[in-house]
C-alpha atoms as a PDB file:
ATOM      1  CA  MET A   1     -69.983  -8.261  -3.599  1.00  0.00           C
ATOM      2  CA  ASN A   2     -72.026  -6.262  -0.998  1.00  0.00           C
ATOM      3  CA  ARG A   3     -70.371  -4.113   1.660  1.00  0.00           C
ATOM      4  CA  ILE A   4     -72.224  -2.956   4.647  1.00  0.00           C
ATOM      5  CA  ILE A   5     -70.563  -0.471   7.033  1.00  0.00           C
ATOM      6  CA  ILE A   6     -71.829  -1.512  10.512  1.00  0.00           C
ATOM      7  CA  ALA A   7     -69.854   0.821  12.865  1.00  0.00           C
ATOM      8  CA  ALA A   8     -67.239   3.439  12.745  1.00  0.00           C
ATOM      9  CA  GLY A   9     -65.516   5.432  15.237  1.00  0.00           C
ATOM     10  CA  CYS A  10     -62.425   7.827  15.390  1.00  0.00           C
ATOM     11  CA  LEU A  11     -60.189   9.077  18.317  1.00  0.00           C
ATOM     12  CA  ALA A  12     -57.419  11.634  17.809  1.00  0.00           C
ATOM     13  CA  ALA A  13     -56.376  12.742  21.200  1.00  0.00           C
ATOM     14  CA  LEU A  14     -53.946  15.443  22.090  1.00  0.00           C
ATOM     15  CA  ALA A  15     -52.371  15.973  25.448  1.00  0.00           C
ATOM     16  CA  ASN A  16     -52.388  19.400  27.245  1.00  0.00           C
ATOM     17  CA  THR A  17     -50.527  22.254  25.617  1.00  0.00           C
ATOM     18  CA  GLY A  18     -46.778  21.958  25.769  1.00  0.00           C
ATOM     19  CA  GLN A  19     -46.944  18.123  25.931  1.00  0.00           C
ATOM     20  CA  ALA A  20     -46.299  15.487  23.176  1.00  0.00           C
ATOM     21  CA  ALA A  21     -49.354  14.314  21.212  1.00  0.00           C
ATOM     22  CA  GLU A  22     -50.844  11.250  22.212  1.00  0.00           C
ATOM     23  CA  ARG A  23     -51.097   8.145  19.785  1.00  0.00           C
ATOM     24  CA  ILE A  24     -53.569   8.605  16.959  1.00  0.00           C
ATOM     25  CA  GLU A  25     -56.212   5.851  16.748  1.00  0.00           C
ATOM     26  CA  GLN A  26     -59.160   5.265  14.446  1.00  0.00           C
ATOM     27  CA  SER A  27     -61.469   2.333  14.298  1.00  0.00           C
ATOM     28  CA  GLN A  28     -64.207   0.996  11.998  1.00  0.00           C
ATOM     29  CA  SER A  29     -65.889  -2.185  11.159  1.00  0.00           C
ATOM     30  CA  TRP A  30     -67.854  -3.444   8.125  1.00  0.00           C
ATOM     31  CA  THR A  31     -69.407  -6.642   6.544  1.00  0.00           C
ATOM     32  CA  GLU A  32     -68.927  -7.979   3.032  1.00  0.00           C
ATOM     33  CA  THR A  33     -70.445 -10.723   1.144  1.00  0.00           C
ATOM     34  CA  TYR A  34     -68.780 -12.636  -1.748  1.00  0.00           C
ATOM     35  CA  PRO A  35     -70.638 -15.015  -4.044  1.00  0.00           C
ATOM     36  CA  VAL A  36     -68.595 -18.274  -4.861  1.00  0.00           C
ATOM     37  CA  SER A  37     -69.691 -20.941  -7.242  1.00  0.00           C
ATOM     38  CA  ALA A  38     -66.773 -23.501  -6.687  1.00  0.00           C
ATOM     39  CA  SER A  39     -67.614 -26.823  -4.998  1.00  0.00           C
ATOM     40  CA  GLN A  40     -64.507 -26.300  -2.807  1.00  0.00           C
ATOM     41  CA  PRO A  41     -64.084 -22.521  -2.595  1.00  0.00           C
ATOM     42  CA  THR A  42     -60.780 -20.979  -1.171  1.00  0.00           C
ATOM     43  CA  LEU A  43     -60.316 -18.625   1.613  1.00  0.00           C
ATOM     44  CA  GLU A  44     -56.904 -17.042   2.051  1.00  0.00           C
ATOM     45  CA  ILE A  45     -56.015 -14.473   4.690  1.00  0.00           C
ATOM     46  CA  GLU A  46     -52.496 -12.908   5.299  1.00  0.00           C
ATOM     47  CA  ASN A  47     -52.876 -10.752   8.472  1.00  0.00           C
ATOM     48  CA  ILE A  48     -50.217  -8.974  10.535  1.00  0.00           C
ATOM     49  CA  TRP A  49     -51.998  -7.939  13.689  1.00  0.00           C
ATOM     50  CA  GLY A  50     -55.295  -9.433  14.965  1.00  0.00           C
ATOM     51  CA  ASP A  51     -57.500 -12.456  15.058  1.00  0.00           C
ATOM     52  CA  VAL A  52     -58.785 -14.754  12.387  1.00  0.00           C
ATOM     53  CA  ARG A  53     -62.027 -16.646  13.187  1.00  0.00           C
ATOM     54  CA  VAL A  54     -63.799 -18.987  10.567  1.00  0.00           C
ATOM     55  CA  ARG A  55     -66.949 -20.765  10.882  1.00  0.00           C
ATOM     56  CA  PRO A  56     -69.271 -22.726   8.339  1.00  0.00           C
ATOM     57  CA  GLY A  57     -72.275 -21.121   6.815  1.00  0.00           C
ATOM     58  CA  LYS A  58     -74.392 -21.164   3.746  1.00  0.00           C
ATOM     59  CA  ALA A  59     -73.207 -22.730   0.327  1.00  0.00           C
ATOM     60  CA  GLY A  60     -72.513 -20.215  -2.394  1.00  0.00           C
ATOM     61  CA  GLU A  61     -71.115 -17.216  -0.433  1.00  0.00           C
ATOM     62  CA  ILE A  62     -68.446 -16.124   1.796  1.00  0.00           C
ATOM     63  CA  VAL A  63     -69.274 -13.511   4.297  1.00  0.00           C
ATOM     64  CA  VAL A  64     -66.635 -11.546   6.321  1.00  0.00           C
ATOM     65  CA  THR A  65     -66.938  -8.981   9.088  1.00  0.00           C
ATOM     66  CA  ILE A  66     -63.774  -6.962   9.459  1.00  0.00           C
ATOM     67  CA  GLU A  67     -62.923  -4.835  12.510  1.00  0.00           C
ATOM     68  CA  GLU A  68     -60.034  -2.434  11.694  1.00  0.00           C
ATOM     69  CA  LEU A  69     -57.982  -0.524  14.356  1.00  0.00           C
ATOM     70  CA  ARG A  70     -55.426   1.841  12.848  1.00  0.00           C
ATOM     71  CA  SER A  71     -52.833   3.721  14.905  1.00  0.00           C
ATOM     72  CA  ALA A  72     -49.687   5.840  14.750  1.00  0.00           C
ATOM     73  CA  PRO A  73     -47.513   8.072  16.907  1.00  0.00           C
ATOM     74  CA  ASP A  74     -48.586  11.226  15.157  1.00  0.00           C
ATOM     75  CA  GLN A  75     -50.890  12.459  12.399  1.00  0.00           C
ATOM     76  CA  ALA A  76     -48.132  12.494   9.766  1.00  0.00           C
ATOM     77  CA  ARG A  77     -47.431   8.810  10.327  1.00  0.00           C
ATOM     78  CA  PHE A  78     -51.078   8.081  10.734  1.00  0.00           C
ATOM     79  CA  ASP A  79     -51.643   9.345   7.245  1.00  0.00           C
ATOM     80  CA  ARG A  80     -48.674   7.648   5.906  1.00  0.00           C
ATOM     81  CA  SER A  81     -49.979   4.365   7.301  1.00  0.00           C
ATOM     82  CA  TYR A  82     -52.588   4.298   4.520  1.00  0.00           C
ATOM     83  CA  GLU A  83     -49.743   3.982   1.877  1.00  0.00           C
ATOM     84  CA  THR A  84     -47.952   1.091   3.689  1.00  0.00           C
ATOM     85  CA  LEU A  85     -50.484  -0.788   5.719  1.00  0.00           C
ATOM     86  CA  ASN A  86     -53.999  -1.457   4.124  1.00  0.00           C
ATOM     87  CA  LEU A  87     -56.216  -4.304   3.358  1.00  0.00           C
ATOM     88  CA  GLY A  88     -56.161  -5.694  -0.171  1.00  0.00           C
ATOM     89  CA  THR A  89     -58.724  -8.166  -1.539  1.00  0.00           C
ATOM     90  CA  ASP A  90     -58.847 -10.492  -4.435  1.00  0.00           C
ATOM     91  CA  ALA A  91     -62.091 -12.127  -5.160  1.00  0.00           C
ATOM     92  CA  ASP A  92     -63.690 -14.368  -7.866  1.00  0.00           C
ATOM     93  CA  GLU A  93     -66.118 -17.214  -8.181  1.00  0.00           C
ATOM     94  CA  GLN A  94     -63.330 -19.632  -6.792  1.00  0.00           C
ATOM     95  CA  GLY A  95     -62.720 -17.815  -3.610  1.00  0.00           C
ATOM     96  CA  VAL A  96     -61.514 -14.732  -1.789  1.00  0.00           C
ATOM     97  CA  ALA A  97     -57.893 -13.688  -0.584  1.00  0.00           C
ATOM     98  CA  PHE A  98     -57.347 -10.932   1.971  1.00  0.00           C
ATOM     99  CA  TYR A  99     -53.886  -9.521   2.685  1.00  0.00           C
ATOM    100  CA  VAL A 100     -52.366  -6.601   4.605  1.00  0.00           C
ATOM    101  CA  GLY A 101     -49.974  -4.471   2.504  1.00  0.00           C
ATOM    102  CA  ASN A 102     -50.001  -3.230  -0.918  1.00  0.00           C
ATOM    103  CA  ARG A 103     -51.221  -5.566  -3.844  1.00  0.00           C
ATOM    104  CA  ASP A 104     -47.818  -7.061  -4.366  1.00  0.00           C
ATOM    105  CA  ARG A 105     -47.909  -8.047  -0.588  1.00  0.00           C
ATOM    106  CA  ASN A 106     -44.842  -5.936   0.327  1.00  0.00           C
ATOM    107  CA  TRP A 107     -44.913  -3.178   2.984  1.00  0.00           C
ATOM    108  CA  HIS A 108     -43.490  -0.372   0.840  1.00  0.00           C
ATOM    109  CA  GLY A 109     -42.290   2.565   2.904  1.00  0.00           C
ATOM    110  CA  ARG A 110     -42.493   0.726   6.077  1.00  0.00           C
ATOM    111  CA  ASN A 111     -39.447   2.355   7.446  1.00  0.00           C
ATOM    112  CA  ARG A 112     -40.962   5.731   7.042  1.00  0.00           C
ATOM    113  CA  CYS A 113     -44.011   4.577   9.215  1.00  0.00           C
ATOM    114  CA  ARG A 114     -42.360   3.299  12.360  1.00  0.00           C
ATOM    115  CA  ASP A 115     -44.693   2.381  15.132  1.00  0.00           C
ATOM    116  CA  CYS A 116     -47.576   2.373  12.877  1.00  0.00           C
ATOM    117  CA  ARG A 117     -50.152  -0.499  13.300  1.00  0.00           C
ATOM    118  CA  VAL A 118     -53.250  -1.612  11.660  1.00  0.00           C
ATOM    119  CA  GLU A 119     -55.088  -4.357  13.504  1.00  0.00           C
ATOM    120  CA  TYR A 120     -57.663  -6.431  11.515  1.00  0.00           C
ATOM    121  CA  ARG A 121     -59.948  -8.844  13.155  1.00  0.00           C
ATOM    122  CA  PHE A 122     -61.491 -11.180  10.762  1.00  0.00           C
ATOM    123  CA  ASP A 123     -64.758 -13.117  11.477  1.00  0.00           C
ATOM    124  CA  VAL A 124     -65.578 -15.133   8.363  1.00  0.00           C
ATOM    125  CA  VAL A 125     -68.549 -17.521   7.530  1.00  0.00           C
ATOM    126  CA  VAL A 126     -67.690 -19.876   4.581  1.00  0.00           C
ATOM    127  CA  PRO A 127     -69.276 -22.896   2.763  1.00  0.00           C
ATOM    128  CA  VAL A 128     -68.429 -26.028   4.803  1.00  0.00           C
ATOM    129  CA  ASN A 129     -66.140 -27.503   2.063  1.00  0.00           C
ATOM    130  CA  THR A 130     -64.003 -24.359   1.905  1.00  0.00           C
ATOM    131  CA  GLN A 131     -60.190 -24.789   1.508  1.00  0.00           C
ATOM    132  CA  LEU A 132     -58.384 -22.544   4.081  1.00  0.00           C
ATOM    133  CA  ASP A 133     -55.016 -20.816   4.165  1.00  0.00           C
ATOM    134  CA  VAL A 134     -55.000 -18.343   6.991  1.00  0.00           C
ATOM    135  CA  SER A 135     -52.130 -16.700   8.927  1.00  0.00           C
ATOM    136  CA  THR A 136     -51.607 -13.820  11.453  1.00  0.00           C
ATOM    137  CA  VAL A 137     -48.327 -12.622  13.192  1.00  0.00           C
ATOM    138  CA  ASN A 138     -48.791 -10.502  16.151  1.00  0.00           C
ATOM    139  CA  ASP A 139     -51.262 -10.383  19.134  1.00  0.00           C
ATOM    140  CA  GLY A 140     -53.757 -12.720  17.236  1.00  0.00           C
ATOM    141  CA  ARG A 141     -55.451 -16.038  17.511  1.00  0.00           C
ATOM    142  CA  ILE A 142     -56.540 -18.391  14.679  1.00  0.00           C
ATOM    143  CA  ASP A 143     -59.766 -20.055  15.531  1.00  0.00           C
ATOM    144  CA  VAL A 144     -61.387 -22.429  13.029  1.00  0.00           C
ATOM    145  CA  ALA A 145     -64.192 -24.738  13.562  1.00  0.00           C
ATOM    146  CA  GLY A 146     -66.624 -27.024  11.624  1.00  0.00           C
ATOM    147  CA  ILE A 147     -64.786 -26.818   8.258  1.00  0.00           C
ATOM    148  CA  ALA A 148     -64.606 -29.906   6.103  1.00  0.00           C
ATOM    149  CA  GLY A 149     -62.077 -28.542   3.668  1.00  0.00           C
ATOM    150  CA  ARG A 150     -58.326 -28.898   4.015  1.00  0.00           C
ATOM    151  CA  VAL A 151     -56.929 -26.472   6.574  1.00  0.00           C
ATOM    152  CA  SER A 152     -53.420 -24.571   6.402  1.00  0.00           C
ATOM    153  CA  ALA A 153     -52.661 -22.093   9.153  1.00  0.00           C
ATOM    154  CA  ALA A 154     -49.629 -20.032  10.542  1.00  0.00           C
ATOM    155  CA  ASN A 155     -49.317 -17.906  13.586  1.00  0.00           C
ATOM    156  CA  VAL A 156     -46.441 -16.120  15.412  1.00  0.00           C
ATOM    157  CA  ASN A 157     -46.941 -15.053  19.034  1.00  0.00           C
ATOM    158  CA  GLY A 158     -50.464 -16.627  19.328  1.00  0.00           C
ATOM    159  CA  PRO A 159     -52.221 -19.903  19.373  1.00  0.00           C
ATOM    160  CA  ILE A 160     -53.903 -22.076  16.449  1.00  0.00           C
ATOM    161  CA  SER A 161     -57.069 -23.883  17.323  1.00  0.00           C
ATOM    162  CA  VAL A 162     -58.987 -26.007  14.827  1.00  0.00           C
ATOM    163  CA  ALA A 163     -62.081 -27.973  15.850  1.00  0.00           C
ATOM    164  CA  GLY A 164     -64.242 -30.331  13.665  1.00  0.00           C
ATOM    165  CA  MET A 165     -61.410 -30.833  11.281  1.00  0.00           C
ATOM    166  CA  HIS A 166     -61.162 -33.360   8.522  1.00  0.00           C
ATOM    167  CA  ASN A 167     -57.739 -32.775   7.013  1.00  0.00           C
ATOM    168  CA  CYS A 168     -54.891 -30.540   7.707  1.00  0.00           C
ATOM    169  CA  ALA A 169     -52.175 -29.645   5.136  1.00  0.00           C
ATOM    170  CA  GLU A 170     -49.497 -27.299   6.803  1.00  0.00           C
ATOM    171  CA  LEU A 171     -49.544 -25.624  10.239  1.00  0.00           C
ATOM    172  CA  ASP A 172     -46.720 -23.436  11.491  1.00  0.00           C
ATOM    173  CA  SER A 173     -46.527 -21.676  15.001  1.00  0.00           C
ATOM    174  CA  VAL A 174     -43.896 -19.713  16.842  1.00  0.00           C
ATOM    175  CA  ASN A 175     -44.594 -18.965  20.501  1.00  0.00           C
ATOM    176  CA  GLY A 176     -48.026 -20.502  20.388  1.00  0.00           C
ATOM    177  CA  GLU A 177     -49.754 -23.835  21.114  1.00  0.00           C
ATOM    178  CA  VAL A 178     -51.327 -25.741  18.281  1.00  0.00           C
ATOM    179  CA  SER A 179     -54.662 -27.686  19.100  1.00  0.00           C
ATOM    180  CA  LEU A 180     -56.283 -29.800  16.391  1.00  0.00           C
ATOM    181  CA  GLY A 181     -59.500 -31.658  16.976  1.00  0.00           C
ATOM    182  CA  PHE A 182     -60.558 -34.074  14.168  1.00  0.00           C
ATOM    183  CA  GLU A 183     -64.074 -34.930  13.360  1.00  0.00           C
ATOM    184  CA  THR A 184     -63.152 -37.913  11.314  1.00  0.00           C
ATOM    185  CA  SER A 185     -59.855 -39.970  10.910  1.00  0.00           C
ATOM    186  CA  PRO A 186     -57.499 -37.844   8.624  1.00  0.00           C
ATOM    187  CA  GLY A 187     -57.120 -39.207   5.071  1.00  0.00           C
ATOM    188  CA  GLU A 188     -54.290 -36.966   3.835  1.00  0.00           C
ATOM    189  CA  ASN A 189     -50.706 -36.100   4.783  1.00  0.00           C
ATOM    190  CA  CYS A 190     -50.059 -33.209   7.114  1.00  0.00           C
ATOM    191  CA  ARG A 191     -46.989 -31.139   8.260  1.00  0.00           C
ATOM    192  CA  ILE A 192     -46.781 -29.389  11.523  1.00  0.00           C
ATOM    193  CA  GLU A 193     -43.941 -27.269  12.767  1.00  0.00           C
ATOM    194  CA  THR A 194     -43.821 -25.446  16.048  1.00  0.00           C
ATOM    195  CA  VAL A 195     -41.308 -23.434  18.170  1.00  0.00           C
ATOM    196  CA  ASN A 196     -41.988 -22.938  21.879  1.00  0.00           C
ATOM    197  CA  GLY A 197     -45.494 -24.354  21.856  1.00  0.00           C
ATOM    198  CA  ASP A 198     -47.188 -27.620  22.362  1.00  0.00           C
ATOM    199  CA  ILE A 199     -49.186 -29.639  19.885  1.00  0.00           C
ATOM    200  CA  THR A 200     -52.400 -31.485  20.825  1.00  0.00           C
ATOM    201  CA  LEU A 201     -54.142 -33.781  18.227  1.00  0.00           C
ATOM    202  CA  VAL A 202     -57.537 -35.046  19.321  1.00  0.00           C
ATOM    203  CA  LEU A 203     -58.807 -37.748  17.162  1.00  0.00           C
ATOM    204  CA  PRO A 204     -61.614 -40.433  17.240  1.00  0.00           C
ATOM    205  CA  ASP A 205     -60.759 -43.822  18.654  1.00  0.00           C
ATOM    206  CA  GLY A 206     -59.632 -46.212  15.954  1.00  0.00           C
ATOM    207  CA  THR A 207     -57.716 -43.469  14.066  1.00  0.00           C
ATOM    208  CA  GLY A 208     -54.612 -44.666  12.186  1.00  0.00           C
ATOM    209  CA  PHE A 209     -51.701 -42.638  10.891  1.00  0.00           C
ATOM    210  CA  ASP A 210     -47.975 -42.658  10.641  1.00  0.00           C
ATOM    211  CA  LEU A 211     -45.987 -40.092  12.705  1.00  0.00           C
ATOM    212  CA  ALA A 212     -42.597 -38.774  11.780  1.00  0.00           C
ATOM    213  CA  MET A 213     -41.115 -36.578  14.523  1.00  0.00           C
ATOM    214  CA  ASP A 214     -38.146 -34.310  15.140  1.00  0.00           C
ATOM    215  CA  LEU A 215     -38.447 -33.346  18.841  1.00  0.00           C
ATOM    216  CA  PHE A 216     -36.072 -31.185  20.857  1.00  0.00           C
ATOM    217  CA  ASN A 217     -36.816 -30.535  24.471  1.00  0.00           C
ATOM    218  CA  GLY A 218     -40.051 -32.322  24.076  1.00  0.00           C
ATOM    219  CA  ARG A 219     -42.122 -35.463  24.675  1.00  0.00           C
ATOM    220  CA  MET A 220     -44.748 -37.448  22.945  1.00  0.00           C
ATOM    221  CA  LEU A 221     -47.677 -38.523  24.996  1.00  0.00           C
ATOM    222  CA  THR A 222     -50.548 -40.540  23.532  1.00  0.00           C
ATOM    223  CA  GLN A 223     -53.883 -42.097  24.396  1.00  0.00           C
ATOM    224  CA  LEU A 224     -53.938 -44.102  21.228  1.00  0.00           C
ATOM    225  CA  PRO A 225     -52.076 -47.387  20.767  1.00  0.00           C
ATOM    226  CA  VAL A 226     -48.595 -46.985  18.957  1.00  0.00           C
ATOM    227  CA  ASP A 227     -45.895 -49.247  17.471  1.00  0.00           C
ATOM    228  CA  ALA A 228     -42.340 -48.369  16.595  1.00  0.00           C
ATOM    229  CA  LEU A 229     -41.996 -47.318  12.876  1.00  0.00           C
ATOM    230  CA  ALA A 230     -38.723 -47.451  11.025  1.00  0.00           C
ATOM    231  CA  LEU A 231     -38.295 -44.422   8.716  1.00  0.00           C
ATOM    232  CA  PRO A 232     -35.639 -44.009   6.072  1.00  0.00           C
ATOM    233  CA  ALA A 233     -33.040 -41.312   6.701  1.00  0.00           C
ATOM    234  CA  ARG A 234     -33.503 -38.073   5.007  1.00  0.00           C
ATOM    235  CA  VAL A 235     -30.388 -37.055   2.976  1.00  0.00           C
ATOM    236  CA  GLU A 236     -29.901 -33.398   1.784  1.00  0.00           C
ATOM    237  CA  HIS A 237     -27.380 -32.695  -0.866  1.00  0.00           C
ATOM    238  CA  ILE A 238     -25.774 -29.316  -0.661  1.00  0.00           C
ATOM    239  CA  GLU A 239     -23.327 -28.110  -3.459  1.00  0.00           C
ATOM    240  CA  SER A 240     -21.192 -24.858  -2.809  1.00  0.00           C
ATOM    241  CA  GLY A 241     -18.205 -23.699  -4.656  1.00  0.00           C
ATOM    242  CA  GLY A 242     -17.814 -26.954  -6.528  1.00  0.00           C
ATOM    243  CA  ARG A 243     -17.847 -28.820  -3.159  1.00  0.00           C
ATOM    244  CA  HIS A 244     -20.388 -31.367  -2.323  1.00  0.00           C
ATOM    245  CA  GLN A 245     -21.874 -31.893   1.309  1.00  0.00           C
ATOM    246  CA  TYR A 246     -24.472 -34.232   2.460  1.00  0.00           C
ATOM    247  CA  ARG A 247     -26.591 -33.814   5.710  1.00  0.00           C
ATOM    248  CA  ILE A 248     -28.352 -36.797   6.980  1.00  0.00           C
ATOM    249  CA  GLU A 249     -31.196 -36.560   9.450  1.00  0.00           C
ATOM    250  CA  GLN A 250     -32.997 -39.541  11.058  1.00  0.00           C
ATOM    251  CA  GLN A 251     -36.557 -38.901  12.262  1.00  0.00           C
ATOM    252  CA  ALA A 252     -38.289 -40.946  14.995  1.00  0.00           C
ATOM    253  CA  GLY A 253     -41.252 -42.648  13.803  1.00  0.00           C
ATOM    254  CA  VAL A 254     -44.470 -44.371  15.292  1.00  0.00           C
ATOM    255  CA  ARG A 255     -47.462 -46.005  13.865  1.00  0.00           C
ATOM    256  CA  ILE A 256     -50.747 -44.795  15.417  1.00  0.00           C
ATOM    257  CA  GLY A 257     -53.393 -47.712  15.246  1.00  0.00           C
ATOM    258  CA  ALA A 258     -53.239 -49.375  11.862  1.00  0.00           C
ATOM    259  CA  GLY A 259     -51.368 -46.601  10.186  1.00  0.00           C
ATOM    260  CA  GLY A 260     -52.442 -44.451   7.273  1.00  0.00           C
ATOM    261  CA  PRO A 261     -51.440 -40.884   6.036  1.00  0.00           C
ATOM    262  CA  THR A 262     -48.187 -39.445   7.403  1.00  0.00           C
ATOM    263  CA  PHE A 263     -47.982 -36.590   9.899  1.00  0.00           C
ATOM    264  CA  THR A 264     -44.596 -34.943   9.815  1.00  0.00           C
ATOM    265  CA  ILE A 265     -44.121 -32.993  13.023  1.00  0.00           C
ATOM    266  CA  SER A 266     -41.064 -30.760  14.095  1.00  0.00           C
ATOM    267  CA  SER A 267     -41.191 -29.406  17.614  1.00  0.00           C
ATOM    268  CA  LEU A 268     -38.623 -27.268  19.392  1.00  0.00           C
ATOM    269  CA  ASN A 269     -39.382 -26.761  23.175  1.00  0.00           C
ATOM    270  CA  GLY A 270     -42.771 -28.360  22.937  1.00  0.00           C
ATOM    271  CA  ASP A 271     -44.699 -31.717  23.647  1.00  0.00           C
ATOM    272  CA  ILE A 272     -46.863 -33.664  21.324  1.00  0.00           C
ATOM    273  CA  ARG A 273     -50.048 -34.885  22.823  1.00  0.00           C
ATOM    274  CA  ILE A 274     -52.317 -37.347  21.020  1.00  0.00           C
ATOM    275  CA  GLN A 275     -55.826 -37.732  22.652  1.00  0.00           C
ATOM    276  CA  LYS A 276     -58.922 -39.584  22.100  1.00  0.00           C
ATOM    277  CA  THR A 277     -62.105 -37.816  21.317  1.00  0.00           C
ATOM    278  CA  ASN A 278     -64.249 -37.712  24.514  1.00  0.00           C
END
């Protein structure tokens, strides 16, 4: 693993005498290279604040450029932020995982570091067949393009955009749009859930898949031919205090083209748009 610090800066500003101290900020950026030998390496990112961008590159290595902006209301909490909010890494020949927090992925002492923030912006280049599982929570975008491996992504308060996709696994979004552009017809099942955001699927003409939908305050609009599809009801068994309850849900179903893998989509306050590749 090679690490190159490409830029660093620090700002610790104080107001005039007699006034409260301004927010403490420090920024730096660096590039790291991780060798991988797996035919389908993995990249996992669990971010809190900031963007995640992934593009295809050379076989045999994952190269990541990271920008870090750390801030806190005062020096004491700024110092404490290194105990509660830091970037962990696990890497081997199979792939790389980055996560914000301590190594057990918990924010120990977060109540002692109120208003602390560490924004990480990831710009990653991976082998084209890499399997992705990436997420961010606040003030960040997930932007993936040209990856042939399976893609899972999650975002809160920001969009998810994937172009040149082959297969998706799971995508979850709250307060953000999901836009998926497929390079080829998908061959695997996929689950997509959104709250307060539209879902746009752009697929080649002639694509076939089955769509199971739970829509609330939303519509489905499609440029591809569809037929009604009868789906079995979902039955959930709940046992509590010796009492048995059953919850039955009926999803709406349509078949796109000749059918194929199943896309299960749940959307609250958002539309589903299915478009043809231009």
